[in-house]
Amino acid sequence: MSIKKYIQLARLNNWTKNLIIFSPLFFSGKINDLLLLKQSIFAFISFSFLTSSIYILNDYLDLDQDRTHPLKKNRPLASGKVPISHAGALGLLLLILGLGIMYSFFSTTTFYISLFYIVIMVSYCLVFRKIALIDIGIIAIGFVLRLYVGSSVIEIPNSNWIIIMTFLLALFIALAKRRDDLTNPIINPLESRESLGGYRLILVDSLINIMVPIIIVSYILYCTAEGNVARIGKNLFLTSVFVLFGFIRYLQLVFVKNLGGDPINLLYRDSGIQLAIILWISSFVWILYF
């Protein structure tokens, strides 16, 4: 039995999206608290089990479409490399493990947030992903729920700023993914994603061009907010340089080099965006912890 195909089915590469669980710990300045870090790591793993179970459900629901899709036909379930019964068993196991760990080792708040995430995402898979604009809103809510999982685990409340920034950034990522679907030359958008019937490239590009300055301005306001300056320091605004560069680089890749739009794929491929993120994290660590 090849483990690799089951790893692909569970989409372990998408566990990077769950790193947002560490955000409350990082931004609170307590990432060096080993007990809280251990709890966050444990929550990250168990929540990732839940997200993998949703990916498996999504692949099952899309099975007929994926089998004729030029790219998705190679997925483990669509290609037949993993039997449906095995996929169902794995998805159920991951769901039980994830919820079981959340219920047994964390607060009831963490458990109910995780359970609400499952309900929302199952609803997305069954209904909301078919409705343009609502689909990206649900995705953004999913990221905010990840944030609440992270804060409930360490019992440190999220600031309004981090909630707003998370929602806006998630909305941007979802929009960018829709752009990638619309501009991919080897796929039929309507066959790839049902909600794309409610999108047009000019609409998505306009929304991206609206979202980028909103995110940048919101981040600058966060950096210069009186409470954050008092808590973190007056040099916090310097980190906005790397945020600005990262978004400018993204827009260059999309509108000049025509490299699609999915920021996750571009993150893995482009050294410029990677550098911006590394410098942003490094500068934030320096300001917050030294």
C-alpha atoms as a PDB file:
ATOM      1  CA  MET A   1       0.000   0.000   0.000  1.00  0.00           C
ATOM      2  CA  SER A   2       1.403   3.354  -1.055  1.00  0.00           C
ATOM      3  CA  ILE A   3       1.199   5.905   1.746  1.00  0.00           C
ATOM      4  CA  LYS A   4       1.903   8.744  -0.697  1.00  0.00           C
ATOM      5  CA  LYS A   5      -1.504   8.543  -2.384  1.00  0.00           C
ATOM      6  CA  TYR A   6      -3.267   8.779   0.977  1.00  0.00           C
ATOM      7  CA  ILE A   7      -1.125  11.769   1.922  1.00  0.00           C
ATOM      8  CA  GLN A   8      -2.148  13.393  -1.364  1.00  0.00           C
ATOM      9  CA  LEU A   9      -5.792  12.564  -0.657  1.00  0.00           C
ATOM     10  CA  ALA A  10      -5.589  14.234   2.764  1.00  0.00           C
ATOM     11  CA  ARG A  11      -3.957  17.306   1.136  1.00  0.00           C
ATOM     12  CA  LEU A  12      -1.164  17.663   3.684  1.00  0.00           C
ATOM     13  CA  ASN A  13       0.301  20.457   1.533  1.00  0.00           C
ATOM     14  CA  ASN A  14      -2.789  22.513   2.404  1.00  0.00           C
ATOM     15  CA  TRP A  15      -2.100  22.200   6.117  1.00  0.00           C
ATOM     16  CA  THR A  16      -0.095  25.411   5.662  1.00  0.00           C
ATOM     17  CA  LYS A  17      -3.442  27.250   5.734  1.00  0.00           C
ATOM     18  CA  ASN A  18      -3.877  26.099   9.322  1.00  0.00           C
ATOM     19  CA  LEU A  19      -0.693  27.858  10.434  1.00  0.00           C
ATOM     20  CA  ILE A  20      -2.950  30.817  11.164  1.00  0.00           C
ATOM     21  CA  ILE A  21      -3.778  28.962  14.390  1.00  0.00           C
ATOM     22  CA  PHE A  22      -0.389  30.152  15.668  1.00  0.00           C
ATOM     23  CA  SER A  23      -1.190  33.825  14.936  1.00  0.00           C
ATOM     24  CA  PRO A  24      -2.715  34.688  18.339  1.00  0.00           C
ATOM     25  CA  LEU A  25       0.294  33.155  20.091  1.00  0.00           C
ATOM     26  CA  PHE A  26       2.786  34.923  17.825  1.00  0.00           C
ATOM     27  CA  PHE A  27       1.160  38.365  17.920  1.00  0.00           C
ATOM     28  CA  SER A  28       0.643  38.185  21.683  1.00  0.00           C
ATOM     29  CA  GLY A  29       4.422  37.999  22.102  1.00  0.00           C
ATOM     30  CA  LYS A  30       4.258  34.610  23.814  1.00  0.00           C
ATOM     31  CA  ILE A  31       5.549  32.290  21.097  1.00  0.00           C
ATOM     32  CA  ASN A  32       8.496  31.466  23.384  1.00  0.00           C
ATOM     33  CA  ASP A  33       6.145  30.098  26.067  1.00  0.00           C
ATOM     34  CA  LEU A  34       6.772  26.368  25.578  1.00  0.00           C
ATOM     35  CA  LEU A  35       3.535  25.249  27.224  1.00  0.00           C
ATOM     36  CA  LEU A  36       1.382  27.516  25.058  1.00  0.00           C
ATOM     37  CA  LEU A  37       3.433  26.593  21.982  1.00  0.00           C
ATOM     38  CA  LYS A  38       2.905  22.892  22.671  1.00  0.00           C
ATOM     39  CA  GLN A  39      -0.847  23.437  23.010  1.00  0.00           C
ATOM     40  CA  SER A  40      -0.945  25.383  19.737  1.00  0.00           C
ATOM     41  CA  ILE A  41       0.996  22.664  17.908  1.00  0.00           C
ATOM     42  CA  PHE A  42      -1.386  20.019  19.241  1.00  0.00           C
ATOM     43  CA  ALA A  43      -4.370  22.130  18.150  1.00  0.00           C
ATOM     44  CA  PHE A  44      -2.801  22.676  14.719  1.00  0.00           C
ATOM     45  CA  ILE A  45      -2.423  18.930  14.150  1.00  0.00           C
ATOM     46  CA  SER A  46      -5.909  18.013  15.370  1.00  0.00           C
ATOM     47  CA  PHE A  47      -7.569  20.833  13.403  1.00  0.00           C
ATOM     48  CA  SER A  48      -5.617  19.762  10.320  1.00  0.00           C
ATOM     49  CA  PHE A  49      -7.216  16.322  10.670  1.00  0.00           C
ATOM     50  CA  LEU A  50     -10.585  18.073  10.404  1.00  0.00           C
ATOM     51  CA  THR A  51      -9.630  20.091   7.331  1.00  0.00           C
ATOM     52  CA  SER A  52      -8.307  16.945   5.636  1.00  0.00           C
ATOM     53  CA  SER A  53     -11.635  15.206   6.247  1.00  0.00           C
ATOM     54  CA  ILE A  54     -13.373  18.116   4.487  1.00  0.00           C
ATOM     55  CA  TYR A  55     -10.976  17.872   1.528  1.00  0.00           C
ATOM     56  CA  ILE A  56     -11.803  14.179   1.199  1.00  0.00           C
ATOM     57  CA  LEU A  57     -15.547  14.916   1.287  1.00  0.00           C
ATOM     58  CA  ASN A  58     -15.066  17.605  -1.351  1.00  0.00           C
ATOM     59  CA  ASP A  59     -13.151  15.212  -3.614  1.00  0.00           C
ATOM     60  CA  TYR A  60     -15.908  12.619  -3.249  1.00  0.00           C
ATOM     61  CA  LEU A  61     -18.632  15.119  -4.163  1.00  0.00           C
ATOM     62  CA  ASP A  62     -16.585  16.278  -7.185  1.00  0.00           C
ATOM     63  CA  LEU A  63     -15.678  12.772  -8.300  1.00  0.00           C
ATOM     64  CA  ASP A  64     -17.538  12.791 -11.633  1.00  0.00           C
ATOM     65  CA  GLN A  65     -16.292  16.269 -12.568  1.00  0.00           C
ATOM     66  CA  ASP A  66     -12.723  15.537 -11.511  1.00  0.00           C
ATOM     67  CA  ARG A  67     -12.531  12.403 -13.665  1.00  0.00           C
ATOM     68  CA  THR A  68     -12.893  14.531 -16.809  1.00  0.00           C
ATOM     69  CA  HIS A  69     -10.851  17.499 -15.549  1.00  0.00           C
ATOM     70  CA  PRO A  70      -7.414  17.812 -17.247  1.00  0.00           C
ATOM     71  CA  LEU A  71      -5.632  18.426 -13.926  1.00  0.00           C
ATOM     72  CA  LYS A  72      -7.875  17.053 -11.186  1.00  0.00           C
ATOM     73  CA  LYS A  73      -8.254  13.680 -12.915  1.00  0.00           C
ATOM     74  CA  ASN A  74      -4.873  12.750 -11.432  1.00  0.00           C
ATOM     75  CA  ARG A  75      -6.090  13.160  -7.866  1.00  0.00           C
ATOM     76  CA  PRO A  76      -6.022   9.886  -5.887  1.00  0.00           C
ATOM     77  CA  LEU A  77      -9.803   9.463  -5.743  1.00  0.00           C
ATOM     78  CA  ALA A  78     -10.587  10.582  -9.304  1.00  0.00           C
ATOM     79  CA  SER A  79      -7.808   8.437 -10.783  1.00  0.00           C
ATOM     80  CA  GLY A  80      -8.940   5.362  -8.873  1.00  0.00           C
ATOM     81  CA  LYS A  81      -5.649   5.035  -6.998  1.00  0.00           C
ATOM     82  CA  VAL A  82      -7.617   5.193  -3.754  1.00  0.00           C
ATOM     83  CA  PRO A  83     -10.918   3.255  -3.545  1.00  0.00           C
ATOM     84  CA  ILE A  84     -13.976   5.243  -2.452  1.00  0.00           C
ATOM     85  CA  SER A  85     -14.401   2.972   0.568  1.00  0.00           C
ATOM     86  CA  HIS A  86     -10.822   3.672   1.698  1.00  0.00           C
ATOM     87  CA  ALA A  87     -11.299   7.418   1.210  1.00  0.00           C
ATOM     88  CA  GLY A  88     -14.520   7.355   3.221  1.00  0.00           C
ATOM     89  CA  ALA A  89     -12.885   5.395   6.018  1.00  0.00           C
ATOM     90  CA  LEU A  90      -9.908   7.771   6.123  1.00  0.00           C
ATOM     91  CA  GLY A  91     -12.142  10.843   6.102  1.00  0.00           C
ATOM     92  CA  LEU A  92     -14.294   9.478   8.926  1.00  0.00           C
ATOM     93  CA  LEU A  93     -11.216   8.481  10.932  1.00  0.00           C
ATOM     94  CA  LEU A  94      -9.682  11.946  10.582  1.00  0.00           C
ATOM     95  CA  LEU A  95     -12.984  13.584  11.547  1.00  0.00           C
ATOM     96  CA  ILE A  96     -13.357  11.432  14.667  1.00  0.00           C
ATOM     97  CA  LEU A  97      -9.713  11.926  15.634  1.00  0.00           C
ATOM     98  CA  GLY A  98      -9.863  15.688  15.156  1.00  0.00           C
ATOM     99  CA  LEU A  99     -13.094  16.219  17.080  1.00  0.00           C
ATOM    100  CA  GLY A 100     -12.104  13.637  19.693  1.00  0.00           C
ATOM    101  CA  ILE A 101      -8.836  15.406  20.443  1.00  0.00           C
ATOM    102  CA  MET A 102     -10.543  18.799  20.545  1.00  0.00           C
ATOM    103  CA  TYR A 103     -13.185  17.476  22.963  1.00  0.00           C
ATOM    104  CA  SER A 104     -10.777  15.556  25.200  1.00  0.00           C
ATOM    105  CA  PHE A 105      -7.823  17.916  25.499  1.00  0.00           C
ATOM    106  CA  PHE A 106      -9.129  21.434  24.932  1.00  0.00           C
ATOM    107  CA  SER A 107     -11.883  23.678  26.253  1.00  0.00           C
ATOM    108  CA  THR A 108     -15.512  23.332  25.239  1.00  0.00           C
ATOM    109  CA  THR A 109     -15.106  26.649  23.412  1.00  0.00           C
ATOM    110  CA  THR A 110     -12.363  25.190  21.200  1.00  0.00           C
ATOM    111  CA  PHE A 111     -14.450  22.086  20.546  1.00  0.00           C
ATOM    112  CA  TYR A 112     -17.568  24.049  19.566  1.00  0.00           C
ATOM    113  CA  ILE A 113     -15.590  26.362  17.286  1.00  0.00           C
ATOM    114  CA  SER A 114     -14.128  23.298  15.563  1.00  0.00           C
ATOM    115  CA  LEU A 115     -17.564  21.698  15.310  1.00  0.00           C
ATOM    116  CA  PHE A 116     -18.987  24.915  13.858  1.00  0.00           C
ATOM    117  CA  TYR A 117     -16.158  24.926  11.308  1.00  0.00           C
ATOM    118  CA  ILE A 118     -17.147  21.416  10.210  1.00  0.00           C
ATOM    119  CA  VAL A 119     -20.812  22.411   9.874  1.00  0.00           C
ATOM    120  CA  ILE A 120     -19.932  25.533   7.878  1.00  0.00           C
ATOM    121  CA  MET A 121     -17.545  23.713   5.543  1.00  0.00           C
ATOM    122  CA  VAL A 122     -19.885  20.768   4.957  1.00  0.00           C
ATOM    123  CA  SER A 123     -22.564  23.340   4.078  1.00  0.00           C
ATOM    124  CA  TYR A 124     -20.038  24.951   1.748  1.00  0.00           C
ATOM    125  CA  CYS A 125     -19.308  21.635   0.018  1.00  0.00           C
ATOM    126  CA  LEU A 126     -22.996  20.821  -0.401  1.00  0.00           C
ATOM    127  CA  VAL A 127     -24.514  24.236  -1.175  1.00  0.00           C
ATOM    128  CA  PHE A 128     -22.564  27.469  -0.794  1.00  0.00           C
ATOM    129  CA  ARG A 129     -19.662  26.701  -3.124  1.00  0.00           C
ATOM    130  CA  LYS A 130     -22.159  26.864  -5.993  1.00  0.00           C
ATOM    131  CA  ILE A 131     -23.098  30.492  -5.252  1.00  0.00           C
ATOM    132  CA  ALA A 132     -20.759  33.238  -6.473  1.00  0.00           C
ATOM    133  CA  LEU A 133     -19.447  35.694  -3.850  1.00  0.00           C
ATOM    134  CA  ILE A 134     -21.058  33.729  -1.010  1.00  0.00           C
ATOM    135  CA  ASP A 135     -18.525  30.967  -1.703  1.00  0.00           C
ATOM    136  CA  ILE A 136     -15.529  33.222  -1.055  1.00  0.00           C
ATOM    137  CA  GLY A 137     -17.239  34.694   2.004  1.00  0.00           C
ATOM    138  CA  ILE A 138     -17.601  31.223   3.544  1.00  0.00           C
ATOM    139  CA  ILE A 139     -13.936  30.496   2.831  1.00  0.00           C
ATOM    140  CA  ALA A 140     -12.937  33.729   4.587  1.00  0.00           C
ATOM    141  CA  ILE A 141     -15.097  32.814   7.591  1.00  0.00           C
ATOM    142  CA  GLY A 142     -13.268  29.476   7.715  1.00  0.00           C
ATOM    143  CA  PHE A 143      -9.957  31.284   8.148  1.00  0.00           C
ATOM    144  CA  VAL A 144     -11.378  33.474  10.909  1.00  0.00           C
ATOM    145  CA  LEU A 145     -12.566  30.333  12.711  1.00  0.00           C
ATOM    146  CA  ARG A 146      -9.016  28.980  12.531  1.00  0.00           C
ATOM    147  CA  LEU A 147      -7.927  32.175  14.241  1.00  0.00           C
ATOM    148  CA  TYR A 148     -10.497  31.678  17.003  1.00  0.00           C
ATOM    149  CA  VAL A 149      -9.318  28.097  17.512  1.00  0.00           C
ATOM    150  CA  GLY A 150      -5.788  29.406  18.056  1.00  0.00           C
ATOM    151  CA  SER A 151      -6.900  32.050  20.545  1.00  0.00           C
ATOM    152  CA  SER A 152      -9.223  29.749  22.492  1.00  0.00           C
ATOM    153  CA  VAL A 153      -6.470  27.153  22.940  1.00  0.00           C
ATOM    154  CA  ILE A 154      -4.121  29.616  24.645  1.00  0.00           C
ATOM    155  CA  GLU A 155      -6.973  31.632  26.208  1.00  0.00           C
ATOM    156  CA  ILE A 156      -5.773  34.925  24.748  1.00  0.00           C
ATOM    157  CA  PRO A 157      -8.485  36.961  22.976  1.00  0.00           C
ATOM    158  CA  ASN A 158      -8.010  38.123  19.407  1.00  0.00           C
ATOM    159  CA  SER A 159      -7.765  41.837  18.746  1.00  0.00           C
ATOM    160  CA  ASN A 160     -10.274  43.370  16.356  1.00  0.00           C
ATOM    161  CA  TRP A 161      -7.380  44.224  14.040  1.00  0.00           C
ATOM    162  CA  ILE A 162      -6.199  40.633  13.614  1.00  0.00           C
ATOM    163  CA  ILE A 163      -9.757  39.434  12.965  1.00  0.00           C
ATOM    164  CA  ILE A 164     -10.298  42.093  10.290  1.00  0.00           C
ATOM    165  CA  MET A 165      -6.914  41.458   8.679  1.00  0.00           C
ATOM    166  CA  THR A 166      -7.483  37.695   8.612  1.00  0.00           C
ATOM    167  CA  PHE A 167     -10.895  38.053   6.993  1.00  0.00           C
ATOM    168  CA  LEU A 168      -9.641  40.510   4.371  1.00  0.00           C
ATOM    169  CA  LEU A 169      -6.577  38.435   3.519  1.00  0.00           C
ATOM    170  CA  ALA A 170      -8.636  35.242   3.255  1.00  0.00           C
ATOM    171  CA  LEU A 171     -11.131  37.024   1.011  1.00  0.00           C
ATOM    172  CA  PHE A 172      -8.251  38.183  -1.176  1.00  0.00           C
ATOM    173  CA  ILE A 173      -6.809  34.654  -1.415  1.00  0.00           C
ATOM    174  CA  ALA A 174     -10.217  33.232  -2.375  1.00  0.00           C
ATOM    175  CA  LEU A 175     -10.680  35.908  -5.052  1.00  0.00           C
ATOM    176  CA  ALA A 176      -7.205  35.251  -6.391  1.00  0.00           C
ATOM    177  CA  LYS A 177      -8.012  31.542  -6.619  1.00  0.00           C
ATOM    178  CA  ARG A 178     -11.134  32.346  -8.636  1.00  0.00           C
ATOM    179  CA  ARG A 179      -8.972  34.398 -10.990  1.00  0.00           C
ATOM    180  CA  ASP A 180      -6.656  31.432 -11.417  1.00  0.00           C
ATOM    181  CA  ASP A 181      -9.634  29.243 -12.342  1.00  0.00           C
ATOM    182  CA  LEU A 182     -10.942  31.788 -14.854  1.00  0.00           C
ATOM    183  CA  THR A 183      -7.606  32.297 -16.620  1.00  0.00           C
ATOM    184  CA  ASN A 184      -6.381  28.711 -16.744  1.00  0.00           C
ATOM    185  CA  PRO A 185      -6.205  27.938 -20.491  1.00  0.00           C
ATOM    186  CA  ILE A 186      -6.563  24.166 -20.200  1.00  0.00           C
ATOM    187  CA  ILE A 187      -9.796  24.018 -18.202  1.00  0.00           C
ATOM    188  CA  ASN A 188     -13.410  25.021 -18.720  1.00  0.00           C
ATOM    189  CA  PRO A 189     -14.218  27.322 -15.776  1.00  0.00           C
ATOM    190  CA  LEU A 190     -17.862  26.234 -15.521  1.00  0.00           C
ATOM    191  CA  GLU A 191     -16.853  22.576 -15.455  1.00  0.00           C
ATOM    192  CA  SER A 192     -14.135  23.283 -12.899  1.00  0.00           C
ATOM    193  CA  ARG A 193     -16.247  25.220 -10.376  1.00  0.00           C
ATOM    194  CA  GLU A 194     -19.994  25.808 -10.567  1.00  0.00           C
ATOM    195  CA  SER A 195     -19.880  29.227  -8.896  1.00  0.00           C
ATOM    196  CA  LEU A 196     -17.636  30.576 -11.668  1.00  0.00           C
ATOM    197  CA  GLY A 197     -20.780  31.181 -13.721  1.00  0.00           C
ATOM    198  CA  GLY A 198     -21.343  34.179 -11.453  1.00  0.00           C
ATOM    199  CA  TYR A 199     -17.846  35.581 -11.973  1.00  0.00           C
ATOM    200  CA  ARG A 200     -16.169  37.381 -14.840  1.00  0.00           C
ATOM    201  CA  LEU A 201     -12.491  38.220 -15.117  1.00  0.00           C
ATOM    202  CA  ILE A 202     -13.172  41.966 -15.101  1.00  0.00           C
ATOM    203  CA  LEU A 203     -15.175  41.591 -11.866  1.00  0.00           C
ATOM    204  CA  VAL A 204     -12.503  39.504 -10.127  1.00  0.00           C
ATOM    205  CA  ASP A 205      -9.694  41.838 -11.235  1.00  0.00           C
ATOM    206  CA  SER A 206     -11.688  44.852 -10.031  1.00  0.00           C
ATOM    207  CA  LEU A 207     -12.311  43.220  -6.651  1.00  0.00           C
ATOM    208  CA  ILE A 208      -8.635  42.283  -6.303  1.00  0.00           C
ATOM    209  CA  ASN A 209      -7.629  45.858  -7.136  1.00  0.00           C
ATOM    210  CA  ILE A 210     -10.043  47.046  -4.437  1.00  0.00           C
ATOM    211  CA  MET A 211      -8.958  44.483  -1.839  1.00  0.00           C
ATOM    212  CA  VAL A 212      -5.189  45.036  -2.120  1.00  0.00           C
ATOM    213  CA  PRO A 213      -5.167  48.730  -1.084  1.00  0.00           C
ATOM    214  CA  ILE A 214      -7.761  48.028   1.632  1.00  0.00           C
ATOM    215  CA  ILE A 215      -5.514  45.326   3.120  1.00  0.00           C
ATOM    216  CA  ILE A 216      -2.396  47.497   2.902  1.00  0.00           C
ATOM    217  CA  VAL A 217      -4.107  50.532   4.464  1.00  0.00           C
ATOM    218  CA  SER A 218      -5.661  48.346   7.173  1.00  0.00           C
ATOM    219  CA  TYR A 219      -2.251  46.917   7.998  1.00  0.00           C
ATOM    220  CA  ILE A 220      -0.671  50.386   8.192  1.00  0.00           C
ATOM    221  CA  LEU A 221      -3.503  51.513  10.491  1.00  0.00           C
ATOM    222  CA  TYR A 222      -2.851  48.438  12.642  1.00  0.00           C
ATOM    223  CA  CYS A 223       0.856  49.302  12.827  1.00  0.00           C
ATOM    224  CA  THR A 224       0.186  52.905  13.815  1.00  0.00           C
ATOM    225  CA  ALA A 225      -2.750  52.306  16.183  1.00  0.00           C
ATOM    226  CA  GLU A 226      -2.003  53.860  19.561  1.00  0.00           C
ATOM    227  CA  GLY A 227      -2.608  50.665  21.528  1.00  0.00           C
ATOM    228  CA  ASN A 228      -0.381  48.561  19.271  1.00  0.00           C
ATOM    229  CA  VAL A 229       2.417  51.137  19.316  1.00  0.00           C
ATOM    230  CA  ALA A 230       2.278  51.204  23.120  1.00  0.00           C
ATOM    231  CA  ARG A 231       2.304  47.398  23.356  1.00  0.00           C
ATOM    232  CA  ILE A 232       4.713  46.469  20.567  1.00  0.00           C
ATOM    233  CA  GLY A 233       6.738  49.590  19.796  1.00  0.00           C
ATOM    234  CA  LYS A 234       6.905  52.549  17.452  1.00  0.00           C
ATOM    235  CA  ASN A 235       8.998  50.658  14.862  1.00  0.00           C
ATOM    236  CA  LEU A 236       6.103  48.350  13.999  1.00  0.00           C
ATOM    237  CA  PHE A 237       5.217  50.451  10.942  1.00  0.00           C
ATOM    238  CA  LEU A 238       8.513  49.375   9.323  1.00  0.00           C
ATOM    239  CA  THR A 239       7.050  45.908   8.723  1.00  0.00           C
ATOM    240  CA  SER A 240       4.500  47.447   6.341  1.00  0.00           C
ATOM    241  CA  VAL A 241       7.285  47.881   3.765  1.00  0.00           C
ATOM    242  CA  PHE A 242       7.483  44.111   3.274  1.00  0.00           C
ATOM    243  CA  VAL A 243       3.692  43.771   3.131  1.00  0.00           C
ATOM    244  CA  LEU A 244       3.597  46.446   0.423  1.00  0.00           C
ATOM    245  CA  PHE A 245       6.397  44.764  -1.538  1.00  0.00           C
ATOM    246  CA  GLY A 246       4.701  41.362  -1.307  1.00  0.00           C
ATOM    247  CA  PHE A 247       1.443  42.632  -2.770  1.00  0.00           C
ATOM    248  CA  ILE A 248       3.188  44.659  -5.479  1.00  0.00           C
ATOM    249  CA  ARG A 249       5.145  41.569  -6.464  1.00  0.00           C
ATOM    250  CA  TYR A 250       1.940  39.534  -6.580  1.00  0.00           C
ATOM    251  CA  LEU A 251       0.239  42.082  -8.847  1.00  0.00           C
ATOM    252  CA  GLN A 252       3.293  42.087 -11.121  1.00  0.00           C
ATOM    253  CA  LEU A 253       3.204  38.298 -11.443  1.00  0.00           C
ATOM    254  CA  VAL A 254      -0.523  38.315 -12.198  1.00  0.00           C
ATOM    255  CA  PHE A 255      -0.961  41.320 -14.481  1.00  0.00           C
ATOM    256  CA  VAL A 256       2.472  41.554 -16.148  1.00  0.00           C
ATOM    257  CA  LYS A 257       3.722  37.983 -16.265  1.00  0.00           C
ATOM    258  CA  ASN A 258       0.256  36.384 -16.490  1.00  0.00           C
ATOM    259  CA  LEU A 259       1.056  33.674 -13.966  1.00  0.00           C
ATOM    260  CA  GLY A 260      -2.532  32.909 -13.022  1.00  0.00           C
ATOM    261  CA  GLY A 261      -3.651  34.179  -9.652  1.00  0.00           C
ATOM    262  CA  ASP A 262      -3.520  31.518  -6.956  1.00  0.00           C
ATOM    263  CA  PRO A 263      -1.294  33.132  -4.279  1.00  0.00           C
ATOM    264  CA  ILE A 264      -0.565  29.772  -2.628  1.00  0.00           C
ATOM    265  CA  ASN A 265       0.911  28.398  -5.857  1.00  0.00           C
ATOM    266  CA  LEU A 266       2.808  31.639  -6.462  1.00  0.00           C
ATOM    267  CA  LEU A 267       4.156  31.487  -2.913  1.00  0.00           C
ATOM    268  CA  TYR A 268       5.714  28.100  -3.627  1.00  0.00           C
ATOM    269  CA  ARG A 269       7.083  29.243  -7.003  1.00  0.00           C
ATOM    270  CA  ASP A 270       8.248  32.837  -6.582  1.00  0.00           C
ATOM    271  CA  SER A 271      11.341  33.776  -4.606  1.00  0.00           C
ATOM    272  CA  GLY A 272      10.256  37.432  -4.441  1.00  0.00           C
ATOM    273  CA  ILE A 273       7.087  36.664  -2.484  1.00  0.00           C
ATOM    274  CA  GLN A 274       8.996  34.173  -0.341  1.00  0.00           C
ATOM    275  CA  LEU A 275      11.581  36.856   0.460  1.00  0.00           C
ATOM    276  CA  ALA A 276       8.872  39.380   1.383  1.00  0.00           C
ATOM    277  CA  ILE A 277       7.263  36.917   3.804  1.00  0.00           C
ATOM    278  CA  ILE A 278      10.590  35.916   5.363  1.00  0.00           C
ATOM    279  CA  LEU A 279      11.579  39.562   5.857  1.00  0.00           C
ATOM    280  CA  TRP A 280       8.157  40.427   7.264  1.00  0.00           C
ATOM    281  CA  ILE A 281       8.272  37.582   9.791  1.00  0.00           C
ATOM    282  CA  SER A 282      11.904  38.338  10.684  1.00  0.00           C
ATOM    283  CA  SER A 283      11.217  42.042  11.228  1.00  0.00           C
ATOM    284  CA  PHE A 284       8.144  41.293  13.310  1.00  0.00           C
ATOM    285  CA  VAL A 285      10.074  38.804  15.448  1.00  0.00           C
ATOM    286  CA  TRP A 286      12.852  41.360  15.967  1.00  0.00           C
ATOM    287  CA  ILE A 287      10.424  44.122  16.986  1.00  0.00           C
ATOM    288  CA  LEU A 288       8.186  41.909  19.122  1.00  0.00           C
ATOM    289  CA  TYR A 289      10.713  39.703  20.877  1.00  0.00           C
ATOM    290  CA  PHE A 290      14.011  41.616  21.016  1.00  0.00           C
END
